[in-house]
Amino acid sequence: MTGTVRTTTVNGVTFEVWSDFIARGTFAKNIQTGETKKIQGSGYIHKDLTVRKAIALIFQMPTFRK
């Protein structure tokens, strides 16, 4: 069971972000490559800045800016 799918941009790349209530985490999917990774385990993040920082860290991007 997942929450609402939102989109955000990090370093010019668009990502879909959603919370999965069964896996108890927040996930992000790179729209261009289709790669999906868990950006927050055992909890949920919703604030745009926090989500962008987590995506930049997990996907090894040089910056979290839009």
C-alpha atoms as a PDB file:
ATOM      1  CA  MET A   1       0.000   0.000   0.000  1.00  0.00           C
ATOM      2  CA  THR A   2       1.538   3.287  -1.098  1.00  0.00           C
ATOM      3  CA  GLY A   3       0.831   6.928  -0.488  1.00  0.00           C
ATOM      4  CA  THR A   4       0.468   9.728  -2.993  1.00  0.00           C
ATOM      5  CA  VAL A   5       3.109   9.809  -5.717  1.00  0.00           C
ATOM      6  CA  ARG A   6       4.761  13.228  -5.948  1.00  0.00           C
ATOM      7  CA  THR A   7       7.418  14.517  -8.333  1.00  0.00           C
ATOM      8  CA  THR A   8      10.482  16.569  -7.508  1.00  0.00           C
ATOM      9  CA  THR A   9      13.569  17.705  -9.392  1.00  0.00           C
ATOM     10  CA  VAL A  10      17.137  17.275  -8.170  1.00  0.00           C
ATOM     11  CA  ASN A  11      20.072  18.588 -10.194  1.00  0.00           C
ATOM     12  CA  GLY A  12      17.856  18.783 -13.300  1.00  0.00           C
ATOM     13  CA  VAL A  13      16.634  15.163 -12.996  1.00  0.00           C
ATOM     14  CA  THR A  14      12.969  14.405 -12.252  1.00  0.00           C
ATOM     15  CA  PHE A  15      12.086  11.849  -9.581  1.00  0.00           C
ATOM     16  CA  GLU A  16       8.825  10.286  -8.410  1.00  0.00           C
ATOM     17  CA  VAL A  17       8.611  10.034  -4.613  1.00  0.00           C
ATOM     18  CA  TRP A  18       6.159   8.000  -2.532  1.00  0.00           C
ATOM     19  CA  SER A  19       5.776   6.405   0.892  1.00  0.00           C
ATOM     20  CA  ASP A  20       5.195   2.668   1.201  1.00  0.00           C
ATOM     21  CA  PHE A  21       3.272   1.852   4.365  1.00  0.00           C
ATOM     22  CA  ILE A  22       3.956  -1.895   4.236  1.00  0.00           C
ATOM     23  CA  ALA A  23       7.727  -1.488   3.749  1.00  0.00           C
ATOM     24  CA  ARG A  24       7.696   1.466   6.204  1.00  0.00           C
ATOM     25  CA  GLY A  25       9.831   3.747   4.105  1.00  0.00           C
ATOM     26  CA  THR A  26      10.032   6.442   1.469  1.00  0.00           C
ATOM     27  CA  PHE A  27      11.104   5.555  -2.063  1.00  0.00           C
ATOM     28  CA  ALA A  28      12.278   7.535  -5.086  1.00  0.00           C
ATOM     29  CA  LYS A  29      12.330   6.567  -8.766  1.00  0.00           C
ATOM     30  CA  ASN A  30      14.465   8.253 -11.402  1.00  0.00           C
ATOM     31  CA  ILE A  31      12.068   8.927 -14.292  1.00  0.00           C
ATOM     32  CA  GLN A  32      14.806   8.827 -16.957  1.00  0.00           C
ATOM     33  CA  THR A  33      16.473   5.539 -15.965  1.00  0.00           C
ATOM     34  CA  GLY A  34      13.681   3.804 -14.058  1.00  0.00           C
ATOM     35  CA  GLU A  35      16.007   3.139 -11.095  1.00  0.00           C
ATOM     36  CA  THR A  36      14.157   2.907  -7.753  1.00  0.00           C
ATOM     37  CA  LYS A  37      15.807   3.231  -4.337  1.00  0.00           C
ATOM     38  CA  LYS A  38      14.686   3.544  -0.729  1.00  0.00           C
ATOM     39  CA  ILE A  39      15.630   7.033   0.489  1.00  0.00           C
ATOM     40  CA  GLN A  40      14.318   6.678   4.064  1.00  0.00           C
ATOM     41  CA  GLY A  41      13.959   3.448   5.989  1.00  0.00           C
ATOM     42  CA  SER A  42      11.705   2.856   9.009  1.00  0.00           C
ATOM     43  CA  GLY A  43       9.958   6.185   8.590  1.00  0.00           C
ATOM     44  CA  TYR A  44       8.585   8.715   6.162  1.00  0.00           C
ATOM     45  CA  ILE A  45       9.823  12.077   4.870  1.00  0.00           C
ATOM     46  CA  HIS A  46       7.596  14.584   3.113  1.00  0.00           C
ATOM     47  CA  LYS A  47       9.221  18.027   3.154  1.00  0.00           C
ATOM     48  CA  ASP A  48      10.580  18.904  -0.280  1.00  0.00           C
ATOM     49  CA  LEU A  49      14.037  20.016   0.902  1.00  0.00           C
ATOM     50  CA  THR A  50      14.530  16.883   3.010  1.00  0.00           C
ATOM     51  CA  VAL A  51      13.405  14.650   0.139  1.00  0.00           C
ATOM     52  CA  ARG A  52      15.782  16.365  -2.310  1.00  0.00           C
ATOM     53  CA  LYS A  53      18.717  16.045   0.121  1.00  0.00           C
ATOM     54  CA  ALA A  54      17.988  12.333   0.645  1.00  0.00           C
ATOM     55  CA  ILE A  55      17.728  11.723  -3.109  1.00  0.00           C
ATOM     56  CA  ALA A  56      21.039  13.506  -3.737  1.00  0.00           C
ATOM     57  CA  LEU A  57      22.719  11.382  -1.071  1.00  0.00           C
ATOM     58  CA  ILE A  58      21.307   8.002  -2.132  1.00  0.00           C
ATOM     59  CA  PHE A  59      21.640   8.551  -5.899  1.00  0.00           C
ATOM     60  CA  GLN A  60      25.145  10.103  -5.429  1.00  0.00           C
ATOM     61  CA  MET A  61      24.395  13.435  -7.056  1.00  0.00           C
ATOM     62  CA  PRO A  62      26.694  16.455  -6.650  1.00  0.00           C
ATOM     63  CA  THR A  63      23.973  18.796  -5.362  1.00  0.00           C
ATOM     64  CA  PHE A  64      20.421  18.713  -4.040  1.00  0.00           C
ATOM     65  CA  ARG A  65      19.362  21.927  -5.807  1.00  0.00           C
ATOM     66  CA  LYS A  66      16.586  21.963  -8.383  1.00  0.00           C
END
